[in-house]
PDB file of all heavy atoms in Angstrom:
ATOM      1  N   GLN A   1      11.327  -7.110 -12.367  1.00  0.00           N
ATOM      2  CA  GLN A   1      12.667  -6.538 -12.440  1.00  0.00           C
ATOM      3  C   GLN A   1      13.654  -7.555 -11.883  1.00  0.00           C
ATOM      4  O   GLN A   1      13.455  -8.086 -10.787  1.00  0.00           O
ATOM      5  CB  GLN A   1      12.742  -5.248 -11.621  1.00  0.00           C
ATOM      6  CG  GLN A   1      14.130  -4.681 -11.427  1.00  0.00           C
ATOM      7  CD  GLN A   1      14.654  -3.923 -12.636  1.00  0.00           C
ATOM      8  OE1 GLN A   1      13.961  -3.810 -13.637  1.00  0.00           O
ATOM      9  NE2 GLN A   1      15.853  -3.393 -12.551  1.00  0.00           N
ATOM     10  N   HIS A   2      14.702  -7.879 -12.668  1.00  0.00           N
ATOM     11  CA  HIS A   2      15.729  -8.806 -12.215  1.00  0.00           C
ATOM     12  C   HIS A   2      17.009  -8.045 -11.927  1.00  0.00           C
ATOM     13  O   HIS A   2      17.458  -7.237 -12.738  1.00  0.00           O
ATOM     14  CB  HIS A   2      16.025  -9.857 -13.300  1.00  0.00           C
ATOM     15  CG  HIS A   2      15.045 -10.991 -13.299  1.00  0.00           C
ATOM     16  ND1 HIS A   2      15.400 -12.276 -13.614  1.00  0.00           N
ATOM     17  CD2 HIS A   2      13.729 -11.027 -13.004  1.00  0.00           C
ATOM     18  CE1 HIS A   2      14.334 -13.055 -13.531  1.00  0.00           C
ATOM     19  NE2 HIS A   2      13.315 -12.316 -13.173  1.00  0.00           N
ATOM     20  N   ILE A   3      17.603  -8.343 -10.787  1.00  0.00           N
ATOM     21  CA  ILE A   3      18.901  -7.766 -10.428  1.00  0.00           C
ATOM     22  C   ILE A   3      19.835  -8.924 -10.098  1.00  0.00           C
ATOM     23  O   ILE A   3      19.579  -9.679  -9.154  1.00  0.00           O
ATOM     24  CB  ILE A   3      18.790  -6.819  -9.225  1.00  0.00           C
ATOM     25  CG1 ILE A   3      17.757  -5.723  -9.495  1.00  0.00           C
ATOM     26  CG2 ILE A   3      20.150  -6.206  -8.894  1.00  0.00           C
ATOM     27  CD1 ILE A   3      17.416  -4.883  -8.279  1.00  0.00           C
ATOM     28  N   TYR A   4      20.892  -9.110 -10.900  1.00  0.00           N
ATOM     29  CA  TYR A   4      21.882 -10.168 -10.679  1.00  0.00           C
ATOM     30  C   TYR A   4      23.159  -9.518 -10.165  1.00  0.00           C
ATOM     31  O   TYR A   4      23.688  -8.584 -10.775  1.00  0.00           O
ATOM     32  CB  TYR A   4      22.202 -10.902 -11.982  1.00  0.00           C
ATOM     33  CG  TYR A   4      21.036 -11.548 -12.675  1.00  0.00           C
ATOM     34  CD1 TYR A   4      20.468 -10.963 -13.797  1.00  0.00           C
ATOM     35  CD2 TYR A   4      20.529 -12.760 -12.219  1.00  0.00           C
ATOM     36  CE1 TYR A   4      19.406 -11.561 -14.458  1.00  0.00           C
ATOM     37  CE2 TYR A   4      19.466 -13.371 -12.881  1.00  0.00           C
ATOM     38  CZ  TYR A   4      18.912 -12.759 -13.992  1.00  0.00           C
ATOM     39  OH  TYR A   4      17.865 -13.356 -14.647  1.00  0.00           O
ATOM     40  N   MET A   5      23.682 -10.040  -9.070  1.00  0.00           N
ATOM     41  CA  MET A   5      24.958  -9.549  -8.533  1.00  0.00           C
ATOM     42  C   MET A   5      25.852 -10.733  -8.214  1.00  0.00           C
ATOM     43  O   MET A   5      25.409 -11.687  -7.565  1.00  0.00           O
ATOM     44  CB  MET A   5      24.730  -8.687  -7.285  1.00  0.00           C
ATOM     45  CG  MET A   5      24.029  -7.369  -7.560  1.00  0.00           C
ATOM     46  SD  MET A   5      23.709  -6.396  -6.076  1.00  0.00           S
ATOM     47  CE  MET A   5      22.323  -7.301  -5.386  1.00  0.00           C
ATOM     48  N   ASN A   6      27.090 -10.671  -8.672  1.00  0.00           N
ATOM     49  CA  ASN A   6      28.053 -11.742  -8.435  1.00  0.00           C
ATOM     50  C   ASN A   6      29.357 -11.115  -7.957  1.00  0.00           C
ATOM     51  O   ASN A   6      30.013 -10.377  -8.705  1.00  0.00           O
ATOM     52  CB  ASN A   6      28.272 -12.540  -9.716  1.00  0.00           C
ATOM     53  CG  ASN A   6      29.009 -13.842  -9.466  1.00  0.00           C
ATOM     54  OD1 ASN A   6      29.500 -14.088  -8.379  1.00  0.00           O
ATOM     55  ND2 ASN A   6      29.095 -14.677 -10.480  1.00  0.00           N
ATOM     56  N   ASP A   7      29.703 -11.367  -6.710  1.00  0.00           N
ATOM     57  CA  ASP A   7      30.933 -10.827  -6.108  1.00  0.00           C
ATOM     58  C   ASP A   7      31.896 -11.980  -5.875  1.00  0.00           C
ATOM     59  O   ASP A   7      31.588 -12.906  -5.112  1.00  0.00           O
ATOM     60  CB  ASP A   7      30.610 -10.131  -4.784  1.00  0.00           C
ATOM     61  CG  ASP A   7      29.632  -8.991  -4.978  1.00  0.00           C
ATOM     62  OD1 ASP A   7      29.962  -8.039  -5.699  1.00  0.00           O
ATOM     63  OD2 ASP A   7      28.518  -9.063  -4.412  1.00  0.00           O
ATOM     64  N   ARG A   8      33.050 -11.931  -6.522  1.00  0.00           N
ATOM     65  CA  ARG A   8      34.023 -13.023  -6.456  1.00  0.00           C
ATOM     66  C   ARG A   8      35.283 -12.544  -5.740  1.00  0.00           C
ATOM     67  O   ARG A   8      35.887 -11.543  -6.124  1.00  0.00           O
ATOM     68  CB  ARG A   8      34.361 -13.517  -7.868  1.00  0.00           C
ATOM     69  CG  ARG A   8      33.143 -13.975  -8.633  1.00  0.00           C
ATOM     70  CD  ARG A   8      33.472 -14.328 -10.060  1.00  0.00           C
ATOM     71  NE  ARG A   8      32.242 -14.564 -10.826  1.00  0.00           N
ATOM     72  CZ  ARG A   8      32.191 -14.668 -12.152  1.00  0.00           C
ATOM     73  NH1 ARG A   8      33.307 -14.561 -12.859  1.00  0.00           N
ATOM     74  NH2 ARG A   8      31.045 -14.865 -12.764  1.00  0.00           N
ATOM     75  N   TYR A   9      35.646 -13.285  -4.721  1.00  0.00           N
ATOM     76  CA  TYR A   9      36.838 -12.975  -3.936  1.00  0.00           C
ATOM     77  C   TYR A   9      37.793 -14.162  -4.086  1.00  0.00           C
ATOM     78  O   TYR A   9      37.728 -15.125  -3.327  1.00  0.00           O
ATOM     79  CB  TYR A   9      36.461 -12.749  -2.472  1.00  0.00           C
ATOM     80  CG  TYR A   9      35.423 -11.666  -2.284  1.00  0.00           C
ATOM     81  CD1 TYR A   9      34.061 -11.976  -2.265  1.00  0.00           C
ATOM     82  CD2 TYR A   9      35.800 -10.323  -2.147  1.00  0.00           C
ATOM     83  CE1 TYR A   9      33.104 -10.990  -2.102  1.00  0.00           C
ATOM     84  CE2 TYR A   9      34.847  -9.329  -1.970  1.00  0.00           C
ATOM     85  CZ  TYR A   9      33.509  -9.667  -1.954  1.00  0.00           C
ATOM     86  OH  TYR A   9      32.561  -8.677  -1.800  1.00  0.00           O
ATOM     87  N   LEU A  10      38.646 -14.112  -5.098  1.00  0.00           N
ATOM     88  CA  LEU A  10      39.559 -15.199  -5.416  1.00  0.00           C
ATOM     89  C   LEU A  10      40.932 -14.904  -4.833  1.00  0.00           C
ATOM     90  O   LEU A  10      41.455 -13.786  -4.984  1.00  0.00           O
ATOM     91  CB  LEU A  10      39.654 -15.383  -6.928  1.00  0.00           C
ATOM     92  CG  LEU A  10      38.317 -15.626  -7.647  1.00  0.00           C
ATOM     93  CD1 LEU A  10      38.525 -15.731  -9.144  1.00  0.00           C
ATOM     94  CD2 LEU A  10      37.635 -16.877  -7.110  1.00  0.00           C
ATOM     95  N   ASN A  11      41.528 -15.877  -4.168  1.00  0.00           N
ATOM     96  CA  ASN A  11      42.824 -15.684  -3.528  1.00  0.00           C
ATOM     97  C   ASN A  11      43.886 -15.331  -4.566  1.00  0.00           C
ATOM     98  O   ASN A  11      44.062 -16.033  -5.563  1.00  0.00           O
ATOM     99  CB  ASN A  11      43.244 -16.956  -2.784  1.00  0.00           C
ATOM    100  CG  ASN A  11      42.284 -17.304  -1.662  1.00  0.00           C
ATOM    101  OD1 ASN A  11      41.396 -16.525  -1.330  1.00  0.00           O
ATOM    102  ND2 ASN A  11      42.455 -18.479  -1.084  1.00  0.00           N
ATOM    103  N   GLY A  12      44.596 -14.231  -4.317  1.00  0.00           N
ATOM    104  CA  GLY A  12      45.662 -13.827  -5.221  1.00  0.00           C
ATOM    105  C   GLY A  12      45.189 -13.206  -6.508  1.00  0.00           C
ATOM    106  O   GLY A  12      46.007 -12.944  -7.405  1.00  0.00           O
ATOM    107  N   GLN A  13      43.878 -12.957  -6.640  1.00  0.00           N
ATOM    108  CA  GLN A  13      43.329 -12.361  -7.850  1.00  0.00           C
ATOM    109  C   GLN A  13      42.547 -11.099  -7.485  1.00  0.00           C
ATOM    110  O   GLN A  13      42.047 -10.960  -6.371  1.00  0.00           O
ATOM    111  CB  GLN A  13      42.392 -13.357  -8.549  1.00  0.00           C
ATOM    112  CG  GLN A  13      43.039 -14.671  -8.947  1.00  0.00           C
ATOM    113  CD  GLN A  13      43.991 -14.513 -10.103  1.00  0.00           C
ATOM    114  OE1 GLN A  13      43.834 -13.631 -10.945  1.00  0.00           O
ATOM    115  NE2 GLN A  13      45.024 -15.355 -10.148  1.00  0.00           N
ATOM    116  N   PRO A  14      42.434 -10.157  -8.424  1.00  0.00           N
ATOM    117  CA  PRO A  14      41.622  -8.969  -8.152  1.00  0.00           C
ATOM    118  C   PRO A  14      40.171  -9.352  -7.900  1.00  0.00           C
ATOM    119  O   PRO A  14      39.656 -10.296  -8.492  1.00  0.00           O
ATOM    120  CB  PRO A  14      41.753  -8.142  -9.450  1.00  0.00           C
ATOM    121  CG  PRO A  14      42.980  -8.652 -10.120  1.00  0.00           C
ATOM    122  CD  PRO A  14      43.083 -10.096  -9.754  1.00  0.00           C
ATOM    123  N   GLN A  15      39.535  -8.649  -7.001  1.00  0.00           N
ATOM    124  CA  GLN A  15      38.125  -8.888  -6.746  1.00  0.00           C
ATOM    125  C   GLN A  15      37.308  -8.541  -7.994  1.00  0.00           C
ATOM    126  O   GLN A  15      37.653  -7.620  -8.738  1.00  0.00           O
ATOM    127  CB  GLN A  15      37.640  -8.056  -5.561  1.00  0.00           C
ATOM    128  CG  GLN A  15      38.285  -8.434  -4.245  1.00  0.00           C
ATOM    129  CD  GLN A  15      37.753  -7.611  -3.087  1.00  0.00           C
ATOM    130  OE1 GLN A  15      36.796  -6.842  -3.241  1.00  0.00           O
ATOM    131  NE2 GLN A  15      38.370  -7.758  -1.927  1.00  0.00           N
ATOM    132  N   LEU A  16      36.237  -9.286  -8.197  1.00  0.00           N
ATOM    133  CA  LEU A  16      35.402  -9.066  -9.363  1.00  0.00           C
ATOM    134  C   LEU A  16      33.968  -8.867  -8.904  1.00  0.00           C
ATOM    135  O   LEU A  16      33.418  -9.695  -8.176  1.00  0.00           O
ATOM    136  CB  LEU A  16      35.476 -10.272 -10.310  1.00  0.00           C
ATOM    137  CG  LEU A  16      34.736 -10.157 -11.644  1.00  0.00           C
ATOM    138  CD1 LEU A  16      35.266  -8.980 -12.459  1.00  0.00           C
ATOM    139  CD2 LEU A  16      34.858 -11.446 -12.429  1.00  0.00           C
ATOM    140  N   HIS A  17      33.377  -7.753  -9.305  1.00  0.00           N
ATOM    141  CA  HIS A  17      32.007  -7.425  -8.914  1.00  0.00           C
ATOM    142  C   HIS A  17      31.184  -7.216 -10.184  1.00  0.00           C
ATOM    143  O   HIS A  17      31.401  -6.246 -10.923  1.00  0.00           O
ATOM    144  CB  HIS A  17      31.968  -6.180  -8.033  1.00  0.00           C
ATOM    145  CG  HIS A  17      32.813  -6.285  -6.799  1.00  0.00           C
ATOM    146  ND1 HIS A  17      32.412  -6.965  -5.670  1.00  0.00           N
ATOM    147  CD2 HIS A  17      34.063  -5.821  -6.542  1.00  0.00           C
ATOM    148  CE1 HIS A  17      33.373  -6.907  -4.752  1.00  0.00           C
ATOM    149  NE2 HIS A  17      34.384  -6.217  -5.262  1.00  0.00           N
ATOM    150  N   LEU A  18      30.242  -8.119 -10.437  1.00  0.00           N
ATOM    151  CA  LEU A  18      29.413  -8.052 -11.633  1.00  0.00           C
ATOM    152  C   LEU A  18      27.976  -7.734 -11.243  1.00  0.00           C
ATOM    153  O   LEU A  18      27.465  -8.233 -10.239  1.00  0.00           O
ATOM    154  CB  LEU A  18      29.447  -9.392 -12.371  1.00  0.00           C
ATOM    155  CG  LEU A  18      30.825  -9.933 -12.757  1.00  0.00           C
ATOM    156  CD1 LEU A  18      30.691 -11.314 -13.387  1.00  0.00           C
ATOM    157  CD2 LEU A  18      31.535  -8.979 -13.707  1.00  0.00           C
ATOM    158  N   LYS A  19      27.342  -6.898 -12.063  1.00  0.00           N
ATOM    159  CA  LYS A  19      25.947  -6.556 -11.815  1.00  0.00           C
ATOM    160  C   LYS A  19      25.248  -6.385 -13.152  1.00  0.00           C
ATOM    161  O   LYS A  19      25.776  -5.742 -14.058  1.00  0.00           O
ATOM    162  CB  LYS A  19      25.834  -5.279 -10.977  1.00  0.00           C
ATOM    163  CG  LYS A  19      24.406  -4.946 -10.551  1.00  0.00           C
ATOM    164  CD  LYS A  19      24.392  -3.728  -9.636  1.00  0.00           C
ATOM    165  CE  LYS A  19      22.975  -3.411  -9.167  1.00  0.00           C
ATOM    166  NZ  LYS A  19      22.951  -2.226  -8.261  1.00  0.00           N
ATOM    167  N   ARG A  20      24.095  -6.965 -13.254  1.00  0.00           N
ATOM    168  CA  ARG A  20      23.316  -6.863 -14.487  1.00  0.00           C
ATOM    169  C   ARG A  20      21.839  -6.846 -14.119  1.00  0.00           C
ATOM    170  O   ARG A  20      21.428  -7.513 -13.166  1.00  0.00           O
ATOM    171  CB  ARG A  20      23.611  -8.065 -15.397  1.00  0.00           C
ATOM    172  CG  ARG A  20      22.795  -8.146 -16.672  1.00  0.00           C
ATOM    173  CD  ARG A  20      23.120  -7.047 -17.660  1.00  0.00           C
ATOM    174  NE  ARG A  20      24.492  -7.099 -18.118  1.00  0.00           N
ATOM    175  CZ  ARG A  20      24.923  -7.835 -19.141  1.00  0.00           C
ATOM    176  NH1 ARG A  20      24.089  -8.613 -19.789  1.00  0.00           N
ATOM    177  NH2 ARG A  20      26.195  -7.793 -19.505  1.00  0.00           N
ATOM    178  N   THR A  21      21.062  -6.071 -14.835  1.00  0.00           N
ATOM    179  CA  THR A  21      19.630  -6.017 -14.573  1.00  0.00           C
ATOM    180  C   THR A  21      18.859  -6.382 -15.842  1.00  0.00           C
ATOM    181  O   THR A  21      19.361  -6.250 -16.962  1.00  0.00           O
ATOM    182  CB  THR A  21      19.187  -4.625 -14.093  1.00  0.00           C
ATOM    183  OG1 THR A  21      19.531  -3.649 -15.084  1.00  0.00           O
ATOM    184  CG2 THR A  21      19.849  -4.273 -12.778  1.00  0.00           C
ATOM    185  N   GLU A  22      17.644  -6.842 -15.631  1.00  0.00           N
ATOM    186  CA  GLU A  22      16.733  -7.170 -16.725  1.00  0.00           C
ATOM    187  C   GLU A  22      15.331  -6.725 -16.340  1.00  0.00           C
ATOM    188  O   GLU A  22      14.998  -6.632 -15.152  1.00  0.00           O
ATOM    189  CB  GLU A  22      16.717  -8.677 -17.003  1.00  0.00           C
ATOM    190  CG  GLU A  22      18.034  -9.278 -17.425  1.00  0.00           C
ATOM    191  CD  GLU A  22      17.919 -10.767 -17.725  1.00  0.00           C
ATOM    192  OE1 GLU A  22      16.771 -11.265 -17.826  1.00  0.00           O
ATOM    193  OE2 GLU A  22      18.961 -11.421 -17.851  1.00  0.00           O
ATOM    194  N   GLN A  23      14.516  -6.477 -17.353  1.00  0.00           N
ATOM    195  CA  GLN A  23      13.099  -6.208 -17.137  1.00  0.00           C
ATOM    196  C   GLN A  23      12.294  -7.206 -17.963  1.00  0.00           C
ATOM    197  O   GLN A  23      12.634  -7.488 -19.119  1.00  0.00           O
ATOM    198  CB  GLN A  23      12.714  -4.777 -17.549  1.00  0.00           C
ATOM    199  CG  GLN A  23      13.277  -3.702 -16.648  1.00  0.00           C
ATOM    200  CD  GLN A  23      14.731  -3.371 -16.973  1.00  0.00           C
ATOM    201  OE1 GLN A  23      15.110  -3.253 -18.140  1.00  0.00           O
ATOM    202  NE2 GLN A  23      15.542  -3.238 -15.933  1.00  0.00           N
ATOM    203  N   LYS A  24      11.219  -7.715 -17.357  1.00  0.00           N
ATOM    204  CA  LYS A  24      10.376  -8.687 -18.028  1.00  0.00           C
ATOM    205  C   LYS A  24       8.935  -8.187 -18.049  1.00  0.00           C
ATOM    206  O   LYS A  24       8.412  -7.737 -17.028  1.00  0.00           O
ATOM    207  CB  LYS A  24      10.434 -10.043 -17.326  1.00  0.00           C
ATOM    208  CG  LYS A  24      11.827 -10.650 -17.301  1.00  0.00           C
ATOM    209  CD  LYS A  24      11.825 -12.038 -16.697  1.00  0.00           C
ATOM    210  CE  LYS A  24      13.220 -12.647 -16.722  1.00  0.00           C
ATOM    211  NZ  LYS A  24      13.244 -14.020 -16.205  1.00  0.00           N
ATOM    212  N   ILE A  25       8.331  -8.289 -19.217  1.00  0.00           N
ATOM    213  CA  ILE A  25       6.907  -7.990 -19.375  1.00  0.00           C
ATOM    214  C   ILE A  25       6.256  -9.233 -19.961  1.00  0.00           C
ATOM    215  O   ILE A  25       6.738  -9.783 -20.957  1.00  0.00           O
ATOM    216  CB  ILE A  25       6.692  -6.779 -20.302  1.00  0.00           C
ATOM    217  CG1 ILE A  25       7.380  -5.536 -19.729  1.00  0.00           C
ATOM    218  CG2 ILE A  25       5.198  -6.511 -20.491  1.00  0.00           C
ATOM    219  CD1 ILE A  25       7.305  -4.335 -20.638  1.00  0.00           C
ATOM    220  N   PHE A  26       5.175  -9.669 -19.354  1.00  0.00           N
ATOM    221  CA  PHE A  26       4.631 -10.964 -19.757  1.00  0.00           C
ATOM    222  C   PHE A  26       3.125 -11.036 -19.519  1.00  0.00           C
ATOM    223  O   PHE A  26       2.568 -10.281 -18.704  1.00  0.00           O
ATOM    224  CB  PHE A  26       5.315 -12.089 -18.983  1.00  0.00           C
ATOM    225  CG  PHE A  26       5.329 -11.882 -17.491  1.00  0.00           C
ATOM    226  CD1 PHE A  26       4.251 -12.268 -16.705  1.00  0.00           C
ATOM    227  CD2 PHE A  26       6.427 -11.282 -16.872  1.00  0.00           C
ATOM    228  CE1 PHE A  26       4.261 -12.068 -15.329  1.00  0.00           C
ATOM    229  CE2 PHE A  26       6.451 -11.091 -15.492  1.00  0.00           C
ATOM    230  CZ  PHE A  26       5.359 -11.481 -14.730  1.00  0.00           C
ATOM    231  N   LEU A  27       2.497 -11.930 -20.247  1.00  0.00           N
ATOM    232  CA  LEU A  27       1.134 -12.356 -19.958  1.00  0.00           C
ATOM    233  C   LEU A  27       1.210 -13.605 -19.096  1.00  0.00           C
ATOM    234  O   LEU A  27       2.026 -14.498 -19.346  1.00  0.00           O
ATOM    235  CB  LEU A  27       0.364 -12.652 -21.240  1.00  0.00           C
ATOM    236  CG  LEU A  27      -0.129 -11.450 -22.044  1.00  0.00           C
ATOM    237  CD1 LEU A  27      -0.792 -11.918 -23.329  1.00  0.00           C
ATOM    238  CD2 LEU A  27      -1.101 -10.586 -21.232  1.00  0.00           C
ATOM    239  N   GLN A  28       0.356 -13.662 -18.102  1.00  0.00           N
ATOM    240  CA  GLN A  28       0.386 -14.771 -17.151  1.00  0.00           C
ATOM    241  C   GLN A  28      -0.931 -15.529 -17.196  1.00  0.00           C
ATOM    242  O   GLN A  28      -2.012 -14.945 -17.141  1.00  0.00           O
ATOM    243  CB  GLN A  28       0.629 -14.256 -15.740  1.00  0.00           C
ATOM    244  CG  GLN A  28       0.715 -15.342 -14.680  1.00  0.00           C
ATOM    245  CD  GLN A  28       1.004 -14.753 -13.310  1.00  0.00           C
ATOM    246  OE1 GLN A  28       0.087 -14.522 -12.531  1.00  0.00           O
ATOM    247  NE2 GLN A  28       2.275 -14.510 -13.026  1.00  0.00           N
ATOM    248  N   LEU A  29      -0.813 -16.850 -17.325  1.00  0.00           N
ATOM    249  CA  LEU A  29      -1.967 -17.740 -17.248  1.00  0.00           C
ATOM    250  C   LEU A  29      -1.827 -18.599 -16.006  1.00  0.00           C
ATOM    251  O   LEU A  29      -0.849 -19.335 -15.859  1.00  0.00           O
ATOM    252  CB  LEU A  29      -2.056 -18.621 -18.495  1.00  0.00           C
ATOM    253  CG  LEU A  29      -3.062 -19.781 -18.448  1.00  0.00           C
ATOM    254  CD1 LEU A  29      -4.498 -19.244 -18.350  1.00  0.00           C
ATOM    255  CD2 LEU A  29      -2.910 -20.687 -19.652  1.00  0.00           C
ATOM    256  N   PHE A  30      -2.782 -18.485 -15.115  1.00  0.00           N
ATOM    257  CA  PHE A  30      -2.773 -19.293 -13.895  1.00  0.00           C
ATOM    258  C   PHE A  30      -3.841 -20.366 -14.006  1.00  0.00           C
ATOM    259  O   PHE A  30      -5.028 -20.067 -14.153  1.00  0.00           O
ATOM    260  CB  PHE A  30      -3.036 -18.418 -12.665  1.00  0.00           C
ATOM    261  CG  PHE A  30      -3.115 -19.195 -11.376  1.00  0.00           C
ATOM    262  CD1 PHE A  30      -1.976 -19.774 -10.826  1.00  0.00           C
ATOM    263  CD2 PHE A  30      -4.324 -19.357 -10.706  1.00  0.00           C
ATOM    264  CE1 PHE A  30      -2.043 -20.495  -9.642  1.00  0.00           C
ATOM    265  CE2 PHE A  30      -4.397 -20.073  -9.524  1.00  0.00           C
ATOM    266  CZ  PHE A  30      -3.248 -20.638  -8.995  1.00  0.00           C
ATOM    267  N   HIS A  31      -3.400 -21.628 -13.992  1.00  0.00           N
ATOM    268  CA  HIS A  31      -4.330 -22.748 -14.050  1.00  0.00           C
ATOM    269  C   HIS A  31      -4.393 -23.397 -12.680  1.00  0.00           C
ATOM    270  O   HIS A  31      -3.428 -24.008 -12.219  1.00  0.00           O
ATOM    271  CB  HIS A  31      -3.888 -23.784 -15.091  1.00  0.00           C
ATOM    272  CG  HIS A  31      -4.745 -25.007 -15.099  1.00  0.00           C
ATOM    273  ND1 HIS A  31      -6.030 -25.018 -15.607  1.00  0.00           N
ATOM    274  CD2 HIS A  31      -4.515 -26.260 -14.637  1.00  0.00           C
ATOM    275  CE1 HIS A  31      -6.545 -26.216 -15.465  1.00  0.00           C
ATOM    276  NE2 HIS A  31      -5.652 -26.998 -14.881  1.00  0.00           N
ATOM    277  N   GLU A  32      -5.524 -23.239 -12.035  1.00  0.00           N
ATOM    278  CA  GLU A  32      -5.715 -23.806 -10.701  1.00  0.00           C
ATOM    279  C   GLU A  32      -6.413 -25.150 -10.829  1.00  0.00           C
ATOM    280  O   GLU A  32      -7.382 -25.293 -11.583  1.00  0.00           O
ATOM    281  CB  GLU A  32      -6.545 -22.862  -9.845  1.00  0.00           C
ATOM    282  CG  GLU A  32      -6.661 -23.301  -8.401  1.00  0.00           C
ATOM    283  CD  GLU A  32      -7.310 -22.229  -7.538  1.00  0.00           C
ATOM    284  OE1 GLU A  32      -7.917 -21.294  -8.094  1.00  0.00           O
ATOM    285  OE2 GLU A  32      -7.206 -22.333  -6.305  1.00  0.00           O
ATOM    286  N   ASP A  33      -5.914 -26.123 -10.112  1.00  0.00           N
ATOM    287  CA  ASP A  33      -6.521 -27.443 -10.118  1.00  0.00           C
ATOM    288  C   ASP A  33      -8.005 -27.298  -9.777  1.00  0.00           C
ATOM    289  O   ASP A  33      -8.357 -26.806  -8.706  1.00  0.00           O
ATOM    290  CB  ASP A  33      -5.808 -28.328  -9.088  1.00  0.00           C
ATOM    291  CG  ASP A  33      -6.182 -29.793  -9.218  1.00  0.00           C
ATOM    292  OD1 ASP A  33      -7.342 -30.066  -9.535  1.00  0.00           O
ATOM    293  OD2 ASP A  33      -5.297 -30.648  -9.004  1.00  0.00           O
ATOM    294  N   PRO A  34      -8.903 -27.709 -10.677  1.00  0.00           N
ATOM    295  CA  PRO A  34     -10.326 -27.469 -10.438  1.00  0.00           C
ATOM    296  C   PRO A  34     -10.878 -28.195  -9.230  1.00  0.00           C
ATOM    297  O   PRO A  34     -11.922 -27.815  -8.684  1.00  0.00           O
ATOM    298  CB  PRO A  34     -10.987 -27.988 -11.731  1.00  0.00           C
ATOM    299  CG  PRO A  34      -9.994 -28.943 -12.314  1.00  0.00           C
ATOM    300  CD  PRO A  34      -8.640 -28.398 -11.952  1.00  0.00           C
ATOM    301  N   LYS A  35     -10.185 -29.246  -8.753  1.00  0.00           N
ATOM    302  CA  LYS A  35     -10.663 -29.997  -7.592  1.00  0.00           C
ATOM    303  C   LYS A  35     -10.242 -29.341  -6.282  1.00  0.00           C
ATOM    304  O   LYS A  35     -10.674 -29.751  -5.209  1.00  0.00           O
ATOM    305  CB  LYS A  35     -10.157 -31.425  -7.619  1.00  0.00           C
ATOM    306  CG  LYS A  35     -10.732 -32.260  -8.740  1.00  0.00           C
ATOM    307  CD  LYS A  35     -10.001 -33.578  -8.871  1.00  0.00           C
ATOM    308  CE  LYS A  35     -10.030 -34.364  -7.565  1.00  0.00           C
ATOM    309  NZ  LYS A  35      -9.315 -35.631  -7.684  1.00  0.00           N
ATOM    310  N   ARG A  36      -9.351 -28.360  -6.381  1.00  0.00           N
ATOM    311  CA  ARG A  36      -8.767 -27.801  -5.154  1.00  0.00           C
ATOM    312  C   ARG A  36      -9.331 -26.390  -4.893  1.00  0.00           C
ATOM    313  O   ARG A  36     -10.087 -25.844  -5.652  1.00  0.00           O
ATOM    314  CB  ARG A  36      -7.244 -27.735  -5.267  1.00  0.00           C
ATOM    315  CG  ARG A  36      -6.626 -28.845  -6.052  1.00  0.00           C
ATOM    316  CD  ARG A  36      -6.885 -30.210  -5.439  1.00  0.00           C
ATOM    317  NE  ARG A  36      -6.332 -31.250  -6.270  1.00  0.00           N
ATOM    318  CZ  ARG A  36      -6.655 -32.520  -6.205  1.00  0.00           C
ATOM    319  NH1 ARG A  36      -7.552 -32.924  -5.342  1.00  0.00           N
ATOM    320  NH2 ARG A  36      -6.110 -33.397  -6.995  1.00  0.00           N
ATOM    321  N   PHE A  37      -8.842 -25.816  -3.810  1.00  0.00           N
ATOM    322  CA  PHE A  37      -9.245 -24.451  -3.530  1.00  0.00           C
ATOM    323  C   PHE A  37      -8.065 -23.745  -2.899  1.00  0.00           C
ATOM    324  O   PHE A  37      -7.110 -24.344  -2.414  1.00  0.00           O
ATOM    325  CB  PHE A  37     -10.437 -24.415  -2.571  1.00  0.00           C
ATOM    326  CG  PHE A  37     -10.161 -25.050  -1.229  1.00  0.00           C
ATOM    327  CD1 PHE A  37      -9.623 -24.316  -0.186  1.00  0.00           C
ATOM    328  CD2 PHE A  37     -10.445 -26.391  -1.034  1.00  0.00           C
ATOM    329  CE1 PHE A  37      -9.356 -24.914   1.046  1.00  0.00           C
ATOM    330  CE2 PHE A  37     -10.176 -26.987   0.186  1.00  0.00           C
ATOM    331  CZ  PHE A  37      -9.635 -26.243   1.225  1.00  0.00           C
ATOM    332  N   GLY A  38      -8.098 -22.426  -2.909  1.00  0.00           N
ATOM    333  CA  GLY A  38      -7.065 -21.646  -2.240  1.00  0.00           C
ATOM    334  C   GLY A  38      -5.882 -21.377  -3.121  1.00  0.00           C
ATOM    335  O   GLY A  38      -4.989 -22.200  -3.249  1.00  0.00           O
ATOM    336  N   LYS A  39      -5.837 -20.223  -3.752  1.00  0.00           N
ATOM    337  CA  LYS A  39      -4.717 -19.869  -4.627  1.00  0.00           C
ATOM    338  C   LYS A  39      -3.468 -19.690  -3.793  1.00  0.00           C
ATOM    339  O   LYS A  39      -3.397 -18.888  -2.882  1.00  0.00           O
ATOM    340  CB  LYS A  39      -5.044 -18.585  -5.384  1.00  0.00           C
ATOM    341  CG  LYS A  39      -3.995 -18.189  -6.398  1.00  0.00           C
ATOM    342  CD  LYS A  39      -4.457 -16.974  -7.176  1.00  0.00           C
ATOM    343  CE  LYS A  39      -3.430 -16.559  -8.205  1.00  0.00           C
ATOM    344  NZ  LYS A  39      -3.841 -15.385  -8.975  1.00  0.00           N
ATOM    345  N   TYR A  40      -2.450 -20.472  -4.131  1.00  0.00           N
ATOM    346  CA  TYR A  40      -1.180 -20.411  -3.399  1.00  0.00           C
ATOM    347  C   TYR A  40      -0.083 -20.124  -4.420  1.00  0.00           C
ATOM    348  O   TYR A  40       0.177 -20.947  -5.287  1.00  0.00           O
ATOM    349  CB  TYR A  40      -0.896 -21.723  -2.681  1.00  0.00           C
ATOM    350  CG  TYR A  40       0.520 -21.852  -2.193  1.00  0.00           C
ATOM    351  CD1 TYR A  40       1.019 -20.930  -1.290  1.00  0.00           C
ATOM    352  CD2 TYR A  40       1.346 -22.860  -2.638  1.00  0.00           C
ATOM    353  CE1 TYR A  40       2.322 -21.027  -0.849  1.00  0.00           C
ATOM    354  CE2 TYR A  40       2.650 -22.966  -2.212  1.00  0.00           C
ATOM    355  CZ  TYR A  40       3.123 -22.062  -1.311  1.00  0.00           C
ATOM    356  OH  TYR A  40       4.413 -22.153  -0.877  1.00  0.00           O
TER     357      TYR A  40
END
């Protein structure tokens, strides 16, 4: 879930408050270096 918020306080201008959300669904492939250990 993505939540973007942008609050702008510009001198002499009306305040601007923007908010937008996104949802992401994905397949994930994790490739771990075969010489190493410990998933980080």
